Amino acid sequence: MSQKKSNISHLVIQCIDAMGGFASKEVILKAVSTATDKKFWKMGRRIDDALDTLIVDGVIRTHNDNYYLNMLEETASASHCNSGSDSDSD
């Protein structure tokens, strides 16, 4: 995978993670467009390719027009939510 495709894939994963583990294609397009400062209609094919690759690699899955992370326990938001939860003691 080229560096450019890898960067787009990382942005897609970060977008889905930031949205709570799932996002529609429209949300992903807008978020990646904003992050890269490029018009989303110019990014459409790259994002489609990244989504297809991530699905084949088993990183994400699709259901009811949304894309879901398959490994939620390894995402930044999940680790943030779980950090420090065992620190309370009497």
PDB file of N, CA and C in Angstrom:
ATOM      1  N   MET A   1       0.851  -1.172   0.000  1.00  0.00           N
ATOM      2  CA  MET A   1       0.000   0.000   0.000  1.00  0.00           C
ATOM      3  C   MET A   1       0.896   1.234   0.000  1.00  0.00           C
ATOM      4  N   SER A   2       0.585   2.196  -0.839  1.00  0.00           N
ATOM      5  CA  SER A   2       1.392   3.408  -0.908  1.00  0.00           C
ATOM      6  C   SER A   2       1.182   4.265   0.339  1.00  0.00           C
ATOM      7  N   GLN A   3       2.120   5.185   0.557  1.00  0.00           N
ATOM      8  CA  GLN A   3       2.038   6.069   1.724  1.00  0.00           C
ATOM      9  C   GLN A   3       0.766   6.915   1.686  1.00  0.00           C
ATOM     10  N   LYS A   4       0.407   7.399   0.497  1.00  0.00           N
ATOM     11  CA  LYS A   4      -0.792   8.232   0.362  1.00  0.00           C
ATOM     12  C   LYS A   4      -2.050   7.440   0.724  1.00  0.00           C
ATOM     13  N   LYS A   5      -2.143   6.188   0.235  1.00  0.00           N
ATOM     14  CA  LYS A   5      -3.294   5.340   0.566  1.00  0.00           C
ATOM     15  C   LYS A   5      -3.311   5.018   2.050  1.00  0.00           C
ATOM     16  N   SER A   6      -2.141   4.787   2.608  1.00  0.00           N
ATOM     17  CA  SER A   6      -2.037   4.493   4.034  1.00  0.00           C
ATOM     18  C   SER A   6      -2.510   5.678   4.867  1.00  0.00           C
ATOM     19  N   ASN A   7      -2.131   6.885   4.471  1.00  0.00           N
ATOM     20  CA  ASN A   7      -2.564   8.083   5.193  1.00  0.00           C
ATOM     21  C   ASN A   7      -4.075   8.250   5.141  1.00  0.00           C
ATOM     22  N   ILE A   8      -4.673   8.031   3.978  1.00  0.00           N
ATOM     23  CA  ILE A   8      -6.131   8.127   3.848  1.00  0.00           C
ATOM     24  C   ILE A   8      -6.793   7.063   4.719  1.00  0.00           C
ATOM     25  N   SER A   9      -6.254   5.859   4.717  1.00  0.00           N
ATOM     26  CA  SER A   9      -6.813   4.790   5.550  1.00  0.00           C
ATOM     27  C   SER A   9      -6.763   5.159   7.025  1.00  0.00           C
ATOM     28  N   HIS A  10      -5.653   5.742   7.455  1.00  0.00           N
ATOM     29  CA  HIS A  10      -5.546   6.172   8.857  1.00  0.00           C
ATOM     30  C   HIS A  10      -6.563   7.265   9.173  1.00  0.00           C
ATOM     31  N   LEU A  11      -6.764   8.193   8.261  1.00  0.00           N
ATOM     32  CA  LEU A  11      -7.766   9.240   8.480  1.00  0.00           C
ATOM     33  C   LEU A  11      -9.168   8.647   8.575  1.00  0.00           C
ATOM     34  N   VAL A  12      -9.460   7.663   7.735  1.00  0.00           N
ATOM     35  CA  VAL A  12     -10.770   7.001   7.776  1.00  0.00           C
ATOM     36  C   VAL A  12     -10.971   6.313   9.124  1.00  0.00           C
ATOM     37  N   ILE A  13      -9.963   5.580   9.585  1.00  0.00           N
ATOM     38  CA  ILE A  13     -10.052   4.900  10.880  1.00  0.00           C
ATOM     39  C   ILE A  13     -10.233   5.913  12.003  1.00  0.00           C
ATOM     40  N   GLN A  14      -9.469   6.999  11.982  1.00  0.00           N
ATOM     41  CA  GLN A  14      -9.581   8.025  13.022  1.00  0.00           C
ATOM     42  C   GLN A  14     -10.956   8.672  13.011  1.00  0.00           C
ATOM     43  N   CYS A  15     -11.509   8.884  11.836  1.00  0.00           N
ATOM     44  CA  CYS A  15     -12.848   9.470  11.729  1.00  0.00           C
ATOM     45  C   CYS A  15     -13.888   8.546  12.350  1.00  0.00           C
ATOM     46  N   ILE A  16     -13.840   7.275  11.989  1.00  0.00           N
ATOM     47  CA  ILE A  16     -14.805   6.316  12.537  1.00  0.00           C
ATOM     48  C   ILE A  16     -14.652   6.228  14.050  1.00  0.00           C
ATOM     49  N   ASP A  17     -13.421   6.205  14.522  1.00  0.00           N
ATOM     50  CA  ASP A  17     -13.149   6.156  15.960  1.00  0.00           C
ATOM     51  C   ASP A  17     -13.699   7.401  16.655  1.00  0.00           C
ATOM     52  N   ALA A  18     -13.466   8.557  16.074  1.00  0.00           N
ATOM     53  CA  ALA A  18     -13.925   9.815  16.672  1.00  0.00           C
ATOM     54  C   ALA A  18     -15.448   9.895  16.743  1.00  0.00           C
ATOM     55  N   MET A  19     -16.118   9.219  15.831  1.00  0.00           N
ATOM     56  CA  MET A  19     -17.579   9.233  15.814  1.00  0.00           C
ATOM     57  C   MET A  19     -18.170   8.151  16.718  1.00  0.00           C
ATOM     58  N   GLY A  20     -17.335   7.486  17.499  1.00  0.00           N
ATOM     59  CA  GLY A  20     -17.832   6.495  18.446  1.00  0.00           C
ATOM     60  C   GLY A  20     -17.769   5.066  17.946  1.00  0.00           C
ATOM     61  N   GLY A  21     -17.016   4.815  16.893  1.00  0.00           N
ATOM     62  CA  GLY A  21     -16.856   3.454  16.406  1.00  0.00           C
ATOM     63  C   GLY A  21     -17.638   3.136  15.149  1.00  0.00           C
ATOM     64  N   PHE A  22     -18.491   4.068  14.701  1.00  0.00           N
ATOM     65  CA  PHE A  22     -19.189   3.867  13.433  1.00  0.00           C
ATOM     66  C   PHE A  22     -19.503   5.215  12.807  1.00  0.00           C
ATOM     67  N   ALA A  23     -19.586   5.224  11.476  1.00  0.00           N
ATOM     68  CA  ALA A  23     -19.887   6.462  10.754  1.00  0.00           C
ATOM     69  C   ALA A  23     -20.418   6.117   9.370  1.00  0.00           C
ATOM     70  N   SER A  24     -21.240   7.005   8.841  1.00  0.00           N
ATOM     71  CA  SER A  24     -21.729   6.839   7.478  1.00  0.00           C
ATOM     72  C   SER A  24     -20.653   7.303   6.500  1.00  0.00           C
ATOM     73  N   LYS A  25     -20.813   6.929   5.258  1.00  0.00           N
ATOM     74  CA  LYS A  25     -19.849   7.335   4.235  1.00  0.00           C
ATOM     75  C   LYS A  25     -19.821   8.859   4.093  1.00  0.00           C
ATOM     76  N   GLU A  26     -20.964   9.504   4.205  1.00  0.00           N
ATOM     77  CA  GLU A  26     -21.028  10.954   4.081  1.00  0.00           C
ATOM     78  C   GLU A  26     -20.217  11.639   5.177  1.00  0.00           C
ATOM     79  N   VAL A  27     -20.331  11.135   6.393  1.00  0.00           N
ATOM     80  CA  VAL A  27     -19.575  11.694   7.516  1.00  0.00           C
ATOM     81  C   VAL A  27     -18.082  11.489   7.289  1.00  0.00           C
ATOM     82  N   ILE A  28     -17.712  10.305   6.825  1.00  0.00           N
ATOM     83  CA  ILE A  28     -16.305  10.012   6.561  1.00  0.00           C
ATOM     84  C   ILE A  28     -15.775  10.940   5.472  1.00  0.00           C
ATOM     85  N   LEU A  29     -16.537  11.106   4.394  1.00  0.00           N
ATOM     86  CA  LEU A  29     -16.119  12.000   3.311  1.00  0.00           C
ATOM     87  C   LEU A  29     -15.894  13.423   3.812  1.00  0.00           C
ATOM     88  N   LYS A  30     -16.838  13.933   4.590  1.00  0.00           N
ATOM     89  CA  LYS A  30     -16.713  15.303   5.099  1.00  0.00           C
ATOM     90  C   LYS A  30     -15.536  15.444   6.051  1.00  0.00           C
ATOM     91  N   ALA A  31     -15.342  14.474   6.925  1.00  0.00           N
ATOM     92  CA  ALA A  31     -14.255  14.547   7.903  1.00  0.00           C
ATOM     93  C   ALA A  31     -12.888  14.479   7.230  1.00  0.00           C
ATOM     94  N   VAL A  32     -12.720  13.551   6.296  1.00  0.00           N
ATOM     95  CA  VAL A  32     -11.435  13.428   5.601  1.00  0.00           C
ATOM     96  C   VAL A  32     -11.194  14.649   4.725  1.00  0.00           C
ATOM     97  N   SER A  33     -12.244  15.158   4.106  1.00  0.00           N
ATOM     98  CA  SER A  33     -12.121  16.372   3.307  1.00  0.00           C
ATOM     99  C   SER A  33     -11.655  17.544   4.161  1.00  0.00           C
ATOM    100  N   THR A  34     -12.225  17.679   5.340  1.00  0.00           N
ATOM    101  CA  THR A  34     -11.830  18.748   6.259  1.00  0.00           C
ATOM    102  C   THR A  34     -10.395  18.551   6.735  1.00  0.00           C
ATOM    103  N   ALA A  35     -10.038  17.328   7.074  1.00  0.00           N
ATOM    104  CA  ALA A  35      -8.694  17.042   7.587  1.00  0.00           C
ATOM    105  C   ALA A  35      -7.615  17.280   6.536  1.00  0.00           C
ATOM    106  N   THR A  36      -7.929  17.009   5.275  1.00  0.00           N
ATOM    107  CA  THR A  36      -6.937  17.161   4.213  1.00  0.00           C
ATOM    108  C   THR A  36      -7.043  18.495   3.506  1.00  0.00           C
ATOM    109  N   ASP A  37      -8.065  19.271   3.836  1.00  0.00           N
ATOM    110  CA  ASP A  37      -8.308  20.573   3.213  1.00  0.00           C
ATOM    111  C   ASP A  37      -8.514  20.450   1.700  1.00  0.00           C
ATOM    112  N   LYS A  38      -9.160  19.358   1.279  1.00  0.00           N
ATOM    113  CA  LYS A  38      -9.482  19.139  -0.130  1.00  0.00           C
ATOM    114  C   LYS A  38     -10.984  18.945  -0.261  1.00  0.00           C
ATOM    115  N   LYS A  39     -11.514  19.291  -1.422  1.00  0.00           N
ATOM    116  CA  LYS A  39     -12.943  19.106  -1.671  1.00  0.00           C
ATOM    117  C   LYS A  39     -13.289  17.622  -1.645  1.00  0.00           C
ATOM    118  N   PHE A  40     -14.397  17.281  -0.957  1.00  0.00           N
ATOM    119  CA  PHE A  40     -14.727  15.870  -0.797  1.00  0.00           C
ATOM    120  C   PHE A  40     -15.007  15.179  -2.115  1.00  0.00           C
ATOM    121  N   TRP A  41     -15.502  15.897  -3.116  1.00  0.00           N
ATOM    122  CA  TRP A  41     -15.772  15.251  -4.397  1.00  0.00           C
ATOM    123  C   TRP A  41     -14.482  14.848  -5.095  1.00  0.00           C
ATOM    124  N   LYS A  42     -13.353  15.454  -4.717  1.00  0.00           N
ATOM    125  CA  LYS A  42     -12.056  15.047  -5.261  1.00  0.00           C
ATOM    126  C   LYS A  42     -11.493  13.847  -4.505  1.00  0.00           C
ATOM    127  N   MET A  43     -11.982  13.593  -3.311  1.00  0.00           N
ATOM    128  CA  MET A  43     -11.464  12.529  -2.453  1.00  0.00           C
ATOM    129  C   MET A  43     -12.277  11.244  -2.550  1.00  0.00           C
ATOM    130  N   GLY A  44     -13.418  11.292  -3.187  1.00  0.00           N
ATOM    131  CA  GLY A  44     -14.352  10.172  -3.190  1.00  0.00           C
ATOM    132  C   GLY A  44     -13.748   8.839  -3.571  1.00  0.00           C
ATOM    133  N   ARG A  45     -13.008   8.792  -4.666  1.00  0.00           N
ATOM    134  CA  ARG A  45     -12.439   7.518  -5.130  1.00  0.00           C
ATOM    135  C   ARG A  45     -11.381   7.009  -4.157  1.00  0.00           C
ATOM    136  N   ARG A  46     -10.552   7.907  -3.639  1.00  0.00           N
ATOM    137  CA  ARG A  46      -9.519   7.492  -2.676  1.00  0.00           C
ATOM    138  C   ARG A  46     -10.148   6.923  -1.409  1.00  0.00           C
ATOM    139  N   ILE A  47     -11.196   7.561  -0.954  1.00  0.00           N
ATOM    140  CA  ILE A  47     -11.870   7.085   0.256  1.00  0.00           C
ATOM    141  C   ILE A  47     -12.558   5.751  -0.011  1.00  0.00           C
ATOM    142  N   ASP A  48     -13.189   5.612  -1.179  1.00  0.00           N
ATOM    143  CA  ASP A  48     -13.783   4.320  -1.547  1.00  0.00           C
ATOM    144  C   ASP A  48     -12.730   3.215  -1.539  1.00  0.00           C
ATOM    145  N   ASP A  49     -11.570   3.503  -2.125  1.00  0.00           N
ATOM    146  CA  ASP A  49     -10.480   2.515  -2.144  1.00  0.00           C
ATOM    147  C   ASP A  49     -10.018   2.174  -0.729  1.00  0.00           C
ATOM    148  N   ALA A  50      -9.886   3.200   0.116  1.00  0.00           N
ATOM    149  CA  ALA A  50      -9.456   2.971   1.503  1.00  0.00           C
ATOM    150  C   ALA A  50     -10.488   2.132   2.253  1.00  0.00           C
ATOM    151  N   LEU A  51     -11.775   2.445   2.083  1.00  0.00           N
ATOM    152  CA  LEU A  51     -12.830   1.676   2.740  1.00  0.00           C
ATOM    153  C   LEU A  51     -12.804   0.219   2.278  1.00  0.00           C
ATOM    154  N   ASP A  52     -12.669   0.008   0.965  1.00  0.00           N
ATOM    155  CA  ASP A  52     -12.615  -1.360   0.433  1.00  0.00           C
ATOM    156  C   ASP A  52     -11.431  -2.129   1.011  1.00  0.00           C
ATOM    157  N   THR A  53     -10.268  -1.487   1.059  1.00  0.00           N
ATOM    158  CA  THR A  53      -9.066  -2.133   1.595  1.00  0.00           C
ATOM    159  C   THR A  53      -9.234  -2.463   3.071  1.00  0.00           C
ATOM    160  N   LEU A  54      -9.794  -1.530   3.834  1.00  0.00           N
ATOM    161  CA  LEU A  54      -9.989  -1.755   5.270  1.00  0.00           C
ATOM    162  C   LEU A  54     -10.991  -2.877   5.528  1.00  0.00           C
ATOM    163  N   ILE A  55     -11.995  -3.000   4.679  1.00  0.00           N
ATOM    164  CA  ILE A  55     -12.962  -4.099   4.805  1.00  0.00           C
ATOM    165  C   ILE A  55     -12.277  -5.431   4.508  1.00  0.00           C
ATOM    166  N   VAL A  56     -11.523  -5.490   3.417  1.00  0.00           N
ATOM    167  CA  VAL A  56     -10.815  -6.723   3.047  1.00  0.00           C
ATOM    168  C   VAL A  56      -9.825  -7.120   4.135  1.00  0.00           C
ATOM    169  N   ASP A  57      -9.152  -6.132   4.726  1.00  0.00           N
ATOM    170  CA  ASP A  57      -8.172  -6.402   5.786  1.00  0.00           C
ATOM    171  C   ASP A  57      -8.826  -6.747   7.121  1.00  0.00           C
ATOM    172  N   GLY A  58     -10.148  -6.589   7.222  1.00  0.00           N
ATOM    173  CA  GLY A  58     -10.861  -6.932   8.449  1.00  0.00           C
ATOM    174  C   GLY A  58     -10.808  -5.867   9.524  1.00  0.00           C
ATOM    175  N   VAL A  59     -10.414  -4.658   9.156  1.00  0.00           N
ATOM    176  CA  VAL A  59     -10.323  -3.572  10.132  1.00  0.00           C
ATOM    177  C   VAL A  59     -11.695  -2.963  10.389  1.00  0.00           C
ATOM    178  N   ILE A  60     -12.513  -2.852   9.338  1.00  0.00           N
ATOM    179  CA  ILE A  60     -13.864  -2.308   9.461  1.00  0.00           C
ATOM    180  C   ILE A  60     -14.842  -3.264   8.788  1.00  0.00           C
ATOM    181  N   ARG A  61     -16.125  -3.034   9.080  1.00  0.00           N
ATOM    182  CA  ARG A  61     -17.193  -3.775   8.413  1.00  0.00           C
ATOM    183  C   ARG A  61     -18.300  -2.771   8.099  1.00  0.00           C
ATOM    184  N   THR A  62     -19.191  -3.154   7.210  1.00  0.00           N
ATOM    185  CA  THR A  62     -20.298  -2.276   6.858  1.00  0.00           C
ATOM    186  C   THR A  62     -21.618  -2.954   7.209  1.00  0.00           C
ATOM    187  N   HIS A  63     -22.570  -2.144   7.658  1.00  0.00           N
ATOM    188  CA  HIS A  63     -23.905  -2.631   7.997  1.00  0.00           C
ATOM    189  C   HIS A  63     -24.857  -1.444   7.965  1.00  0.00           C
ATOM    190  N   ASN A  64     -25.959  -1.591   7.243  1.00  0.00           N
ATOM    191  CA  ASN A  64     -26.975  -0.530   7.141  1.00  0.00           C
ATOM    192  C   ASN A  64     -26.372   0.822   6.778  1.00  0.00           C
ATOM    193  N   ASP A  65     -25.525   0.841   5.764  1.00  0.00           N
ATOM    194  CA  ASP A  65     -24.905   2.068   5.244  1.00  0.00           C
ATOM    195  C   ASP A  65     -23.986   2.773   6.228  1.00  0.00           C
ATOM    196  N   ASN A  66     -23.545   2.087   7.259  1.00  0.00           N
ATOM    197  CA  ASN A  66     -22.556   2.626   8.194  1.00  0.00           C
ATOM    198  C   ASN A  66     -21.327   1.732   8.182  1.00  0.00           C
ATOM    199  N   TYR A  67     -20.198   2.323   8.520  1.00  0.00           N
ATOM    200  CA  TYR A  67     -18.943   1.587   8.628  1.00  0.00           C
ATOM    201  C   TYR A  67     -18.575   1.506  10.098  1.00  0.00           C
ATOM    202  N   TYR A  68     -18.250   0.307  10.557  1.00  0.00           N
ATOM    203  CA  TYR A  68     -17.960   0.042  11.965  1.00  0.00           C
ATOM    204  C   TYR A  68     -16.532  -0.457  12.120  1.00  0.00           C
ATOM    205  N   LEU A  69     -15.857  -0.025  13.181  1.00  0.00           N
ATOM    206  CA  LEU A  69     -14.547  -0.575  13.507  1.00  0.00           C
ATOM    207  C   LEU A  69     -14.739  -1.975  14.064  1.00  0.00           C
ATOM    208  N   ASN A  70     -13.935  -2.917  13.634  1.00  0.00           N
ATOM    209  CA  ASN A  70     -14.008  -4.287  14.142  1.00  0.00           C
ATOM    210  C   ASN A  70     -13.245  -4.461  15.433  1.00  0.00           C
ATOM    211  N   MET A  71     -12.276  -3.605  15.706  1.00  0.00           N
ATOM    212  CA  MET A  71     -11.416  -3.766  16.875  1.00  0.00           C
ATOM    213  C   MET A  71     -11.572  -2.582  17.817  1.00  0.00           C
ATOM    214  N   LEU A  72     -12.765  -2.370  18.311  1.00  0.00           N
ATOM    215  CA  LEU A  72     -13.032  -1.218  19.169  1.00  0.00           C
ATOM    216  C   LEU A  72     -12.137  -1.175  20.395  1.00  0.00           C
ATOM    217  N   GLU A  73     -11.795  -2.334  20.959  1.00  0.00           N
ATOM    218  CA  GLU A  73     -10.990  -2.337  22.173  1.00  0.00           C
ATOM    219  C   GLU A  73      -9.586  -1.795  21.933  1.00  0.00           C
ATOM    220  N   GLU A  74      -9.153  -1.692  20.682  1.00  0.00           N
ATOM    221  CA  GLU A  74      -7.821  -1.198  20.383  1.00  0.00           C
ATOM    222  C   GLU A  74      -7.816   0.252  19.924  1.00  0.00           C
ATOM    223  N   THR A  75      -8.957   0.906  19.870  1.00  0.00           N
ATOM    224  CA  THR A  75      -9.008   2.277  19.390  1.00  0.00           C
ATOM    225  C   THR A  75      -8.672   3.256  20.497  1.00  0.00           C
ATOM    226  N   ALA A  76      -8.338   4.455  20.107  1.00  0.00           N
ATOM    227  CA  ALA A  76      -7.959   5.480  21.074  1.00  0.00           C
ATOM    228  C   ALA A  76      -9.100   5.808  22.030  1.00  0.00           C
ATOM    229  N   SER A  77     -10.318   5.927  21.515  1.00  0.00           N
ATOM    230  CA  SER A  77     -11.429   6.296  22.391  1.00  0.00           C
ATOM    231  C   SER A  77     -11.729   5.195  23.400  1.00  0.00           C
ATOM    232  N   ALA A  78     -11.603   3.951  23.003  1.00  0.00           N
ATOM    233  CA  ALA A  78     -11.861   2.845  23.924  1.00  0.00           C
ATOM    234  C   ALA A  78     -10.814   2.803  25.022  1.00  0.00           C
ATOM    235  N   SER A  79      -9.554   2.998  24.677  1.00  0.00           N
ATOM    236  CA  SER A  79      -8.511   2.974  25.699  1.00  0.00           C
ATOM    237  C   SER A  79      -8.642   4.172  26.627  1.00  0.00           C
ATOM    238  N   HIS A  80      -9.094   5.297  26.097  1.00  0.00           N
ATOM    239  CA  HIS A  80      -9.307   6.484  26.925  1.00  0.00           C
ATOM    240  C   HIS A  80     -10.439   6.244  27.924  1.00  0.00           C
ATOM    241  N   CYS A  81     -11.504   5.600  27.472  1.00  0.00           N
ATOM    242  CA  CYS A  81     -12.647   5.339  28.345  1.00  0.00           C
ATOM    243  C   CYS A  81     -12.297   4.352  29.448  1.00  0.00           C
ATOM    244  N   ASN A  82     -11.382   3.436  29.191  1.00  0.00           N
ATOM    245  CA  ASN A  82     -11.032   2.409  30.161  1.00  0.00           C
ATOM    246  C   ASN A  82      -9.886   2.810  31.075  1.00  0.00           C
ATOM    247  N   SER A  83      -9.201   3.887  30.785  1.00  0.00           N
ATOM    248  CA  SER A  83      -8.031   4.251  31.584  1.00  0.00           C
ATOM    249  C   SER A  83      -8.448   4.780  32.947  1.00  0.00           C
ATOM    250  N   GLY A  84      -7.764   4.287  33.974  1.00  0.00           N
ATOM    251  CA  GLY A  84      -7.998   4.783  35.327  1.00  0.00           C
ATOM    252  C   GLY A  84      -9.251   4.270  35.996  1.00  0.00           C
ATOM    253  N   SER A  85      -9.965   3.338  35.399  1.00  0.00           N
ATOM    254  CA  SER A  85     -11.226   2.889  35.993  1.00  0.00           C
ATOM    255  C   SER A  85     -11.018   2.021  37.228  1.00  0.00           C
ATOM    256  N   ASP A  86      -9.820   1.429  37.390  1.00  0.00           N
ATOM    257  CA  ASP A  86      -9.555   0.573  38.541  1.00  0.00           C
ATOM    258  C   ASP A  86      -8.781   1.290  39.640  1.00  0.00           C
ATOM    259  N   SER A  87      -8.628   2.594  39.558  1.00  0.00           N
ATOM    260  CA  SER A  87      -7.782   3.322  40.506  1.00  0.00           C
ATOM    261  C   SER A  87      -8.494   3.678  41.808  1.00  0.00           C
ATOM    262  N   ASP A  88      -9.799   3.495  41.883  1.00  0.00           N
ATOM    263  CA  ASP A  88     -10.533   3.822  43.109  1.00  0.00           C
ATOM    264  C   ASP A  88     -10.387   2.692  44.120  1.00  0.00           C
ATOM    265  N   SER A  89      -9.936   3.023  45.312  1.00  0.00           N
ATOM    266  CA  SER A  89      -9.855   2.021  46.378  1.00  0.00           C
ATOM    267  C   SER A  89     -10.206   2.682  47.698  1.00  0.00           C
ATOM    268  N   ASP A  90     -10.746   1.886  48.624  1.00  0.00           N
ATOM    269  CA  ASP A  90     -11.163   2.420  49.926  1.00  0.00           C
ATOM    270  C   ASP A  90     -10.106   2.224  50.957  1.00  0.00           C
TER     271      ASP A  90
END
